Amino acid sequence: MRVTVFGATGGIGRLLLQQLLDERHQVTALVRTPAKLTLTHPDLIVIAGQLSDAAAVRQAVQGADAVISALGPSLKRSATGTPLTDGTRTIVGAMRAEQVARFIGLATPSLADPRDKPHWKHKVLPVMARLAFPNALADLTGMTAAVTGSGLDYTVARITNPTDKPATGRIRAGFLGHDKVGSAMSRADIAAFLVSQLADTRYRRAMPAISN
């Protein structure tokens, strides 16, 4: 499968890239600083560019069967603006122009899915996020709205506490108040879940919460 990856130089993105290549997918990655991406592979194409560059984004998406975004907001309290929201809108526009329907990305349980039932995370996490990372929450909210309102065939995995522990292969996924989903999850397992959604149809047009 031909897959375009955004956020390939991040903690989850690097693992995602490696897993896609290990599974023999053809991968195109748009990165702002190619030097940060030390991985080389015959099935990997690296395009230098920023999310604000609509032409570069469209070039990266062209010919893809699916797009996977490992992008996340800045957690610096000094951060301003909504680069993740704006960049995601650019990605969505490029996908529409190139007729690429499948989008797989990340968000937070601070944002609800219609399939959720009442749960303590709905009350606690948004309050914590607004206090600690108000700009990041606003950016994630805008990003999620850009995807879920796009008409694309999306899956947005909601994560709470990513860790650097080794992959376990044990992944829980579902909806708050309905399925038994925890909080902590290794980045390697998050990457594995994102890759699995290329073939898994259970969470099409949904935002499952995931954990180990």
Foldseek 3Di string as FASTA:
>chain_A
DEEEEEPLLDPLNVLLVVVCVVVPYQYEYEDQDCVSNPDDDPSYHYQHDDLVPLVSLLVRCAPGQAYEYADADDQDQPDDDQRLLSSLLSNLVSCVVRVHFEYEYEAAVCDAWPVADDDVCVVPVVVVCCVRPVRRNVNRVSNVCSVLVSNGFYEYEHAAAEDQDDADPDKDKDHHPPGDADHYAYSSVVSVVRVVVVPDDPRTSTYIYMHD
